[in-house]
PDB file of N, CA and C in Angstrom:
ATOM      1  N   MET A   1      47.204-166.723 178.681  1.00  0.00           N
ATOM      2  CA  MET A   1      46.642-167.665 178.068  1.00  0.00           C
ATOM      3  C   MET A   1      47.468-167.586 176.669  1.00  0.00           C
ATOM      4  N   SER A   2      47.931-168.669 176.266  1.00  0.00           N
ATOM      5  CA  SER A   2      48.462-168.899 174.912  1.00  0.00           C
ATOM      6  C   SER A   2      47.298-169.246 173.268  1.00  0.00           C
ATOM      7  N   ILE A   3      47.519-168.286 172.384  1.00  0.00           N
ATOM      8  CA  ILE A   3      46.485-168.685 171.311  1.00  0.00           C
ATOM      9  C   ILE A   3      46.285-170.289 171.363  1.00  0.00           C
ATOM     10  N   THR A   4      47.443-171.302 171.352  1.00  0.00           N
ATOM     11  CA  THR A   4      47.117-172.352 171.257  1.00  0.00           C
ATOM     12  C   THR A   4      45.966-173.191 171.983  1.00  0.00           C
ATOM     13  N   LEU A   5      45.935-172.876 173.794  1.00  0.00           N
ATOM     14  CA  LEU A   5      44.904-173.332 174.487  1.00  0.00           C
ATOM     15  C   LEU A   5      43.609-172.692 174.189  1.00  0.00           C
ATOM     16  N   THR A   6      43.724-171.019 173.960  1.00  0.00           N
ATOM     17  CA  THR A   6      42.215-170.775 173.501  1.00  0.00           C
ATOM     18  C   THR A   6      41.553-171.173 172.579  1.00  0.00           C
ATOM     19  N   THR A   7      42.190-171.835 171.282  1.00  0.00           N
ATOM     20  CA  THR A   7      41.668-172.152 170.227  1.00  0.00           C
ATOM     21  C   THR A   7      41.466-173.841 170.833  1.00  0.00           C
ATOM     22  N   VAL A   8      41.822-174.234 171.294  1.00  0.00           N
ATOM     23  CA  VAL A   8      41.452-175.977 172.152  1.00  0.00           C
ATOM     24  C   VAL A   8      40.329-175.403 173.095  1.00  0.00           C
ATOM     25  N   ILE A   9      40.009-174.597 173.850  1.00  0.00           N
ATOM     26  CA  ILE A   9      38.862-174.458 174.412  1.00  0.00           C
ATOM     27  C   ILE A   9      37.704-174.128 173.489  1.00  0.00           C
ATOM     28  N   LEU A  10      38.073-173.389 172.618  1.00  0.00           N
ATOM     29  CA  LEU A  10      36.963-172.853 171.814  1.00  0.00           C
ATOM     30  C   LEU A  10      36.221-174.031 170.620  1.00  0.00           C
ATOM     31  N   PHE A  11      37.280-174.889 170.448  1.00  0.00           N
ATOM     32  CA  PHE A  11      36.740-175.572 169.468  1.00  0.00           C
ATOM     33  C   PHE A  11      36.153-177.338 170.255  1.00  0.00           C
ATOM     34  N   ALA A  12      36.787-177.175 171.879  1.00  0.00           N
ATOM     35  CA  ALA A  12      36.204-178.359 172.544  1.00  0.00           C
ATOM     36  C   ALA A  12      35.035-177.896 172.904  1.00  0.00           C
ATOM     37  N   VAL A  13      34.826-177.164 173.328  1.00  0.00           N
ATOM     38  CA  VAL A  13      33.364-176.766 173.816  1.00  0.00           C
ATOM     39  C   VAL A  13      32.304-176.629 172.491  1.00  0.00           C
ATOM     40  N   PHE A  14      32.939-175.796 171.645  1.00  0.00           N
ATOM     41  CA  PHE A  14      31.774-176.097 170.333  1.00  0.00           C
ATOM     42  C   PHE A  14      31.852-177.806 170.124  1.00  0.00           C
ATOM     43  N   GLY A  15      32.661-178.728 169.901  1.00  0.00           N
ATOM     44  CA  GLY A  15      32.374-179.869 169.477  1.00  0.00           C
ATOM     45  C   GLY A  15      31.874-180.767 170.614  1.00  0.00           C
ATOM     46  N   VAL A  16      31.757-180.325 171.940  1.00  0.00           N
ATOM     47  CA  VAL A  16      30.850-181.148 172.923  1.00  0.00           C
ATOM     48  C   VAL A  16      29.423-180.424 172.495  1.00  0.00           C
ATOM     49  N   LEU A  17      29.295-179.244 172.449  1.00  0.00           N
ATOM     50  CA  LEU A  17      28.097-178.786 171.987  1.00  0.00           C
ATOM     51  C   LEU A  17      27.198-179.671 171.173  1.00  0.00           C
ATOM     52  N   LEU A  18      27.424-179.487 170.170  1.00  0.00           N
ATOM     53  CA  LEU A  18      27.467-180.117 168.760  1.00  0.00           C
ATOM     54  C   LEU A  18      27.118-181.679 169.126  1.00  0.00           C
ATOM     55  N   PHE A  19      27.798-182.296 169.680  1.00  0.00           N
ATOM     56  CA  PHE A  19      27.759-183.531 170.102  1.00  0.00           C
ATOM     57  C   PHE A  19      26.650-183.967 171.208  1.00  0.00           C
ATOM     58  N   LEU A  20      26.380-183.125 171.786  1.00  0.00           N
ATOM     59  CA  LEU A  20      24.847-182.749 172.647  1.00  0.00           C
ATOM     60  C   LEU A  20      23.484-182.781 171.646  1.00  0.00           C
ATOM     61  N   GLY A  21      23.746-182.329 170.591  1.00  0.00           N
ATOM     62  CA  GLY A  21      22.614-181.692 169.491  1.00  0.00           C
ATOM     63  C   GLY A  21      22.120-180.446 169.937  1.00  0.00           C
ATOM     64  N   VAL A  22      23.237-179.778 170.540  1.00  0.00           N
ATOM     65  CA  VAL A  22      22.753-178.401 170.376  1.00  0.00           C
ATOM     66  C   VAL A  22      22.786-177.665 169.366  1.00  0.00           C
ATOM     67  N   PRO A  23      21.617-176.746 168.677  1.00  0.00           N
ATOM     68  CA  PRO A  23      21.760-176.204 167.571  1.00  0.00           C
ATOM     69  C   PRO A  23      23.132-175.118 167.459  1.00  0.00           C
ATOM     70  N   ILE A  24      23.571-175.123 166.058  1.00  0.00           N
ATOM     71  CA  ILE A  24      24.771-174.791 165.755  1.00  0.00           C
ATOM     72  C   ILE A  24      24.935-173.423 166.181  1.00  0.00           C
ATOM     73  N   SER A  25      23.734-172.710 165.831  1.00  0.00           N
ATOM     74  CA  SER A  25      23.795-171.421 166.387  1.00  0.00           C
ATOM     75  C   SER A  25      24.131-170.864 167.578  1.00  0.00           C
ATOM     76  N   ILE A  26      23.359-171.720 168.515  1.00  0.00           N
ATOM     77  CA  ILE A  26      23.564-171.556 170.059  1.00  0.00           C
ATOM     78  C   ILE A  26      25.231-172.055 170.262  1.00  0.00           C
ATOM     79  N   SER A  27      25.468-173.396 169.550  1.00  0.00           N
ATOM     80  CA  SER A  27      26.577-173.538 169.980  1.00  0.00           C
ATOM     81  C   SER A  27      28.170-172.639 169.800  1.00  0.00           C
ATOM     82  N   ILE A  28      27.717-171.662 168.700  1.00  0.00           N
ATOM     83  CA  ILE A  28      28.609-170.869 168.370  1.00  0.00           C
ATOM     84  C   ILE A  28      28.773-169.733 169.207  1.00  0.00           C
ATOM     85  N   VAL A  29      27.375-169.009 169.917  1.00  0.00           N
ATOM     86  CA  VAL A  29      27.465-168.127 170.788  1.00  0.00           C
ATOM     87  C   VAL A  29      27.679-168.877 172.428  1.00  0.00           C
ATOM     88  N   VAL A  30      27.594-169.891 172.730  1.00  0.00           N
ATOM     89  CA  VAL A  30      28.196-170.136 174.008  1.00  0.00           C
ATOM     90  C   VAL A  30      29.385-170.531 174.398  1.00  0.00           C
ATOM     91  N   SER A  31      29.763-171.295 173.041  1.00  0.00           N
ATOM     92  CA  SER A  31      31.420-171.413 172.763  1.00  0.00           C
ATOM     93  C   SER A  31      32.105-170.063 172.976  1.00  0.00           C
ATOM     94  N   SER A  32      31.961-169.382 172.178  1.00  0.00           N
ATOM     95  CA  SER A  32      32.385-168.033 172.368  1.00  0.00           C
ATOM     96  C   SER A  32      32.522-167.261 173.513  1.00  0.00           C
ATOM     97  N   ILE A  33      31.316-167.227 174.334  1.00  0.00           N
ATOM     98  CA  ILE A  33      31.096-166.830 175.661  1.00  0.00           C
ATOM     99  C   ILE A  33      31.728-167.537 176.326  1.00  0.00           C
ATOM    100  N   VAL A  34      31.898-168.994 176.538  1.00  0.00           N
ATOM    101  CA  VAL A  34      33.018-169.591 177.660  1.00  0.00           C
ATOM    102  C   VAL A  34      34.186-169.339 177.107  1.00  0.00           C
ATOM    103  N   THR A  35      35.024-169.126 175.591  1.00  0.00           N
ATOM    104  CA  THR A  35      36.352-169.036 175.553  1.00  0.00           C
ATOM    105  C   THR A  35      36.652-167.258 175.979  1.00  0.00           C
ATOM    106  N   ALA A  36      35.705-166.398 175.708  1.00  0.00           N
ATOM    107  CA  ALA A  36      35.997-164.944 176.116  1.00  0.00           C
ATOM    108  C   ALA A  36      35.965-165.227 177.956  1.00  0.00           C
ATOM    109  N   MET A  37      35.308-165.690 178.572  1.00  0.00           N
ATOM    110  CA  MET A  37      35.073-165.510 179.733  1.00  0.00           C
ATOM    111  C   MET A  37      36.550-166.303 180.288  1.00  0.00           C
ATOM    112  N   SER A  38      36.812-167.195 179.885  1.00  0.00           N
ATOM    113  CA  SER A  38      38.385-168.001 180.512  1.00  0.00           C
ATOM    114  C   SER A  38      39.603-167.427 179.974  1.00  0.00           C
ATOM    115  N   THR A  39      39.626-166.339 178.846  1.00  0.00           N
ATOM    116  CA  THR A  39      41.003-165.939 178.442  1.00  0.00           C
ATOM    117  C   THR A  39      40.537-164.246 178.770  1.00  0.00           C
ATOM    118  N   LEU A  40      39.813-163.413 178.954  1.00  0.00           N
ATOM    119  CA  LEU A  40      39.826-162.246 178.884  1.00  0.00           C
ATOM    120  C   LEU A  40      39.494-161.715 180.378  1.00  0.00           C
ATOM    121  N   SER A  41      39.941-160.515 180.958  1.00  0.00           N
ATOM    122  CA  SER A  41      38.878-159.871 181.813  1.00  0.00           C
ATOM    123  C   SER A  41      37.654-159.263 181.155  1.00  0.00           C
ATOM    124  N   TRP A  42      36.457-158.691 182.519  1.00  0.00           N
ATOM    125  CA  TRP A  42      35.257-158.699 182.073  1.00  0.00           C
ATOM    126  C   TRP A  42      35.321-157.250 181.475  1.00  0.00           C
ATOM    127  N   ASP A  43      35.983-156.233 181.531  1.00  0.00           N
ATOM    128  CA  ASP A  43      36.025-155.113 180.980  1.00  0.00           C
ATOM    129  C   ASP A  43      36.512-155.180 179.696  1.00  0.00           C
ATOM    130  N   GLN A  44      37.487-156.181 179.206  1.00  0.00           N
ATOM    131  CA  GLN A  44      37.834-156.258 177.775  1.00  0.00           C
ATOM    132  C   GLN A  44      36.698-156.939 176.954  1.00  0.00           C
ATOM    133  N   ILE A  45      35.921-157.703 177.726  1.00  0.00           N
ATOM    134  CA  ILE A  45      34.637-158.356 177.043  1.00  0.00           C
ATOM    135  C   ILE A  45      33.810-157.633 176.708  1.00  0.00           C
ATOM    136  N   THR A  46      33.416-156.659 177.706  1.00  0.00           N
ATOM    137  CA  THR A  46      32.687-155.840 177.216  1.00  0.00           C
ATOM    138  C   THR A  46      32.777-154.744 176.273  1.00  0.00           C
ATOM    139  N   PHE A  47      33.932-154.268 176.259  1.00  0.00           N
ATOM    140  CA  PHE A  47      34.694-153.249 175.377  1.00  0.00           C
ATOM    141  C   PHE A  47      34.680-154.087 174.144  1.00  0.00           C
ATOM    142  N   ILE A  48      35.373-155.006 173.712  1.00  0.00           N
ATOM    143  CA  ILE A  48      34.998-155.728 172.558  1.00  0.00           C
ATOM    144  C   ILE A  48      33.980-155.611 172.068  1.00  0.00           C
ATOM    145  N   THR A  49      32.670-156.297 172.908  1.00  0.00           N
ATOM    146  CA  THR A  49      31.176-156.389 172.676  1.00  0.00           C
ATOM    147  C   THR A  49      30.681-155.011 171.972  1.00  0.00           C
ATOM    148  N   MET A  50      30.813-153.895 172.878  1.00  0.00           N
ATOM    149  CA  MET A  50      30.299-152.807 172.618  1.00  0.00           C
ATOM    150  C   MET A  50      30.941-152.362 171.244  1.00  0.00           C
ATOM    151  N   GLN A  51      32.307-152.518 170.984  1.00  0.00           N
ATOM    152  CA  GLN A  51      33.281-151.975 169.651  1.00  0.00           C
ATOM    153  C   GLN A  51      32.192-152.958 168.491  1.00  0.00           C
ATOM    154  N   LYS A  52      31.984-153.887 168.503  1.00  0.00           N
ATOM    155  CA  LYS A  52      31.507-154.604 167.451  1.00  0.00           C
ATOM    156  C   LYS A  52      30.065-154.437 167.365  1.00  0.00           C
ATOM    157  N   MET A  53      29.323-154.386 168.478  1.00  0.00           N
ATOM    158  CA  MET A  53      27.849-153.691 168.262  1.00  0.00           C
ATOM    159  C   MET A  53      27.777-152.473 167.264  1.00  0.00           C
ATOM    160  N   ASN A  54      28.751-151.666 167.886  1.00  0.00           N
ATOM    161  CA  ASN A  54      28.628-150.228 167.116  1.00  0.00           C
ATOM    162  C   ASN A  54      29.113-150.035 165.837  1.00  0.00           C
ATOM    163  N   SER A  55      30.197-150.909 165.216  1.00  0.00           N
ATOM    164  CA  SER A  55      30.520-151.118 164.071  1.00  0.00           C
ATOM    165  C   SER A  55      29.570-151.785 162.966  1.00  0.00           C
ATOM    166  N   GLY A  56      28.309-152.732 163.890  1.00  0.00           N
ATOM    167  CA  GLY A  56      27.833-153.282 162.921  1.00  0.00           C
ATOM    168  C   GLY A  56      26.461-152.454 162.668  1.00  0.00           C
ATOM    169  N   VAL A  57      26.343-151.528 163.547  1.00  0.00           N
ATOM    170  CA  VAL A  57      25.156-150.817 163.182  1.00  0.00           C
ATOM    171  C   VAL A  57      25.497-149.625 162.438  1.00  0.00           C
ATOM    172  N   GLU A  58      26.821-149.425 162.180  1.00  0.00           N
ATOM    173  CA  GLU A  58      27.182-148.198 161.147  1.00  0.00           C
ATOM    174  C   GLU A  58      27.512-148.872 159.851  1.00  0.00           C
ATOM    175  N   SER A  59      27.078-150.282 159.380  1.00  0.00           N
ATOM    176  CA  SER A  59      27.339-150.608 157.993  1.00  0.00           C
ATOM    177  C   SER A  59      25.855-150.518 157.601  1.00  0.00           C
ATOM    178  N   PHE A  60      26.394-149.512 156.199  1.00  0.00           N
ATOM    179  CA  PHE A  60      25.371-149.039 155.320  1.00  0.00           C
ATOM    180  C   PHE A  60      24.679-150.486 154.486  1.00  0.00           C
ATOM    181  N   SER A  61      25.564-151.555 154.440  1.00  0.00           N
ATOM    182  CA  SER A  61      25.554-152.247 153.318  1.00  0.00           C
ATOM    183  C   SER A  61      24.102-153.266 154.109  1.00  0.00           C
ATOM    184  N   LEU A  62      24.379-153.512 155.738  1.00  0.00           N
ATOM    185  CA  LEU A  62      23.172-154.269 156.577  1.00  0.00           C
ATOM    186  C   LEU A  62      22.178-153.463 156.784  1.00  0.00           C
ATOM    187  N   LEU A  63      22.353-152.307 156.633  1.00  0.00           N
ATOM    188  CA  LEU A  63      21.005-151.445 156.949  1.00  0.00           C
ATOM    189  C   LEU A  63      20.402-151.422 155.731  1.00  0.00           C
ATOM    190  N   ALA A  64      20.798-151.666 154.396  1.00  0.00           N
ATOM    191  CA  ALA A  64      19.841-151.485 153.235  1.00  0.00           C
ATOM    192  C   ALA A  64      19.249-152.449 153.196  1.00  0.00           C
ATOM    193  N   VAL A  65      19.221-153.637 153.781  1.00  0.00           N
ATOM    194  CA  VAL A  65      18.301-154.866 153.471  1.00  0.00           C
ATOM    195  C   VAL A  65      16.974-154.690 154.334  1.00  0.00           C
ATOM    196  N   PRO A  66      16.939-154.407 155.435  1.00  0.00           N
ATOM    197  CA  PRO A  66      15.583-154.180 156.360  1.00  0.00           C
ATOM    198  C   PRO A  66      15.138-152.861 155.886  1.00  0.00           C
ATOM    199  N   LEU A  67      15.609-152.085 155.421  1.00  0.00           N
ATOM    200  CA  LEU A  67      14.886-150.842 154.613  1.00  0.00           C
ATOM    201  C   LEU A  67      14.544-151.137 153.031  1.00  0.00           C
ATOM    202  N   PHE A  68      14.856-151.975 152.411  1.00  0.00           N
ATOM    203  CA  PHE A  68      14.769-152.684 151.373  1.00  0.00           C
ATOM    204  C   PHE A  68      13.476-153.553 151.350  1.00  0.00           C
ATOM    205  N   ILE A  69      13.269-154.229 152.478  1.00  0.00           N
ATOM    206  CA  ILE A  69      12.314-155.018 152.550  1.00  0.00           C
ATOM    207  C   ILE A  69      10.906-154.363 153.462  1.00  0.00           C
ATOM    208  N   LEU A  70      11.335-153.113 154.256  1.00  0.00           N
ATOM    209  CA  LEU A  70      10.639-151.941 154.483  1.00  0.00           C
ATOM    210  C   LEU A  70       9.847-151.588 153.134  1.00  0.00           C
ATOM    211  N   ALA A  71      10.389-151.005 152.106  1.00  0.00           N
ATOM    212  CA  ALA A  71       9.969-150.319 150.787  1.00  0.00           C
ATOM    213  C   ALA A  71       9.204-151.027 150.070  1.00  0.00           C
ATOM    214  N   GLY A  72       9.742-152.983 150.313  1.00  0.00           N
ATOM    215  CA  GLY A  72       8.861-153.544 149.588  1.00  0.00           C
ATOM    216  C   GLY A  72       7.345-153.930 150.283  1.00  0.00           C
ATOM    217  N   ASN A  73       7.154-153.623 151.684  1.00  0.00           N
ATOM    218  CA  ASN A  73       6.276-153.664 152.122  1.00  0.00           C
ATOM    219  C   ASN A  73       5.327-152.659 152.047  1.00  0.00           C
ATOM    220  N   ILE A  74       5.802-151.248 152.002  1.00  0.00           N
ATOM    221  CA  ILE A  74       4.983-149.947 151.470  1.00  0.00           C
ATOM    222  C   ILE A  74       4.798-150.281 149.973  1.00  0.00           C
ATOM    223  N   MET A  75       5.225-150.943 149.278  1.00  0.00           N
ATOM    224  CA  MET A  75       4.895-150.951 148.102  1.00  0.00           C
ATOM    225  C   MET A  75       3.694-151.697 147.877  1.00  0.00           C
ATOM    226  N   ASN A  76       3.742-152.611 148.585  1.00  0.00           N
ATOM    227  CA  ASN A  76       2.727-154.099 148.625  1.00  0.00           C
ATOM    228  C   ASN A  76       1.224-153.279 149.086  1.00  0.00           C
ATOM    229  N   ASN A  77       1.490-152.766 149.924  1.00  0.00           N
ATOM    230  CA  ASN A  77       0.215-152.243 151.401  1.00  0.00           C
ATOM    231  C   ASN A  77      -0.274-151.048 149.808  1.00  0.00           C
ATOM    232  N   GLY A  78       0.245-150.337 149.206  1.00  0.00           N
ATOM    233  CA  GLY A  78       0.256-149.540 148.526  1.00  0.00           C
ATOM    234  C   GLY A  78      -0.629-149.854 147.211  1.00  0.00           C
ATOM    235  N   GLY A  79      -0.484-150.658 146.701  1.00  0.00           N
ATOM    236  CA  GLY A  79      -0.508-151.526 145.478  1.00  0.00           C
ATOM    237  C   GLY A  79       0.076-150.803 144.149  1.00  0.00           C
ATOM    238  N   ILE A  80       1.326-150.331 144.637  1.00  0.00           N
ATOM    239  CA  ILE A  80       2.316-149.921 143.482  1.00  0.00           C
ATOM    240  C   ILE A  80       2.749-151.397 142.939  1.00  0.00           C
ATOM    241  N   ALA A  81       3.134-152.373 143.927  1.00  0.00           N
ATOM    242  CA  ALA A  81       3.711-153.167 143.351  1.00  0.00           C
ATOM    243  C   ALA A  81       2.903-154.374 142.467  1.00  0.00           C
ATOM    244  N   LYS A  82       1.478-154.245 142.917  1.00  0.00           N
ATOM    245  CA  LYS A  82       0.968-155.524 141.683  1.00  0.00           C
ATOM    246  C   LYS A  82       0.964-154.463 140.178  1.00  0.00           C
ATOM    247  N   ARG A  83       0.804-152.963 140.017  1.00  0.00           N
ATOM    248  CA  ARG A  83       0.593-152.457 139.320  1.00  0.00           C
ATOM    249  C   ARG A  83       2.135-152.544 138.338  1.00  0.00           C
ATOM    250  N   LEU A  84       3.053-152.359 139.155  1.00  0.00           N
ATOM    251  CA  LEU A  84       4.545-152.688 138.533  1.00  0.00           C
ATOM    252  C   LEU A  84       4.908-154.062 137.851  1.00  0.00           C
ATOM    253  N   VAL A  85       4.007-154.998 138.630  1.00  0.00           N
ATOM    254  CA  VAL A  85       3.984-156.367 137.910  1.00  0.00           C
ATOM    255  C   VAL A  85       3.352-156.772 136.834  1.00  0.00           C
ATOM    256  N   ASN A  86       2.139-155.756 136.772  1.00  0.00           N
ATOM    257  CA  ASN A  86       1.510-156.225 135.708  1.00  0.00           C
ATOM    258  C   ASN A  86       1.910-155.273 134.543  1.00  0.00           C
ATOM    259  N   PHE A  87       2.706-153.920 134.570  1.00  0.00           N
ATOM    260  CA  PHE A  87       3.184-153.344 133.553  1.00  0.00           C
ATOM    261  C   PHE A  87       4.470-154.406 133.211  1.00  0.00           C
ATOM    262  N   ALA A  88       5.181-154.573 134.120  1.00  0.00           N
ATOM    263  CA  ALA A  88       6.470-155.522 133.410  1.00  0.00           C
ATOM    264  C   ALA A  88       5.802-156.870 132.333  1.00  0.00           C
ATOM    265  N   GLN A  89       4.645-157.653 132.596  1.00  0.00           N
ATOM    266  CA  GLN A  89       4.279-158.334 132.126  1.00  0.00           C
ATOM    267  C   GLN A  89       3.319-158.099 130.663  1.00  0.00           C
TER     268      GLN A  89
END
């Protein structure tokens, strides 16, 4: 398939889903899946999906966010967060 037809499929499915009132996040996922299924083989889809999932896990900046939240929760439960705020005031 050509890139033009692939683009038309992607935006057409996305537009129809938005017109039907489907939330944007679900519309993006469904339109991506429909476009991938219509243009790629199943082996290519699974390979690309696994490759993207693996690269997402290896991102240190994305890993820092949940660890920062965990550290905040530990500090809050331990009581040090309240003492730090009192010290800053």
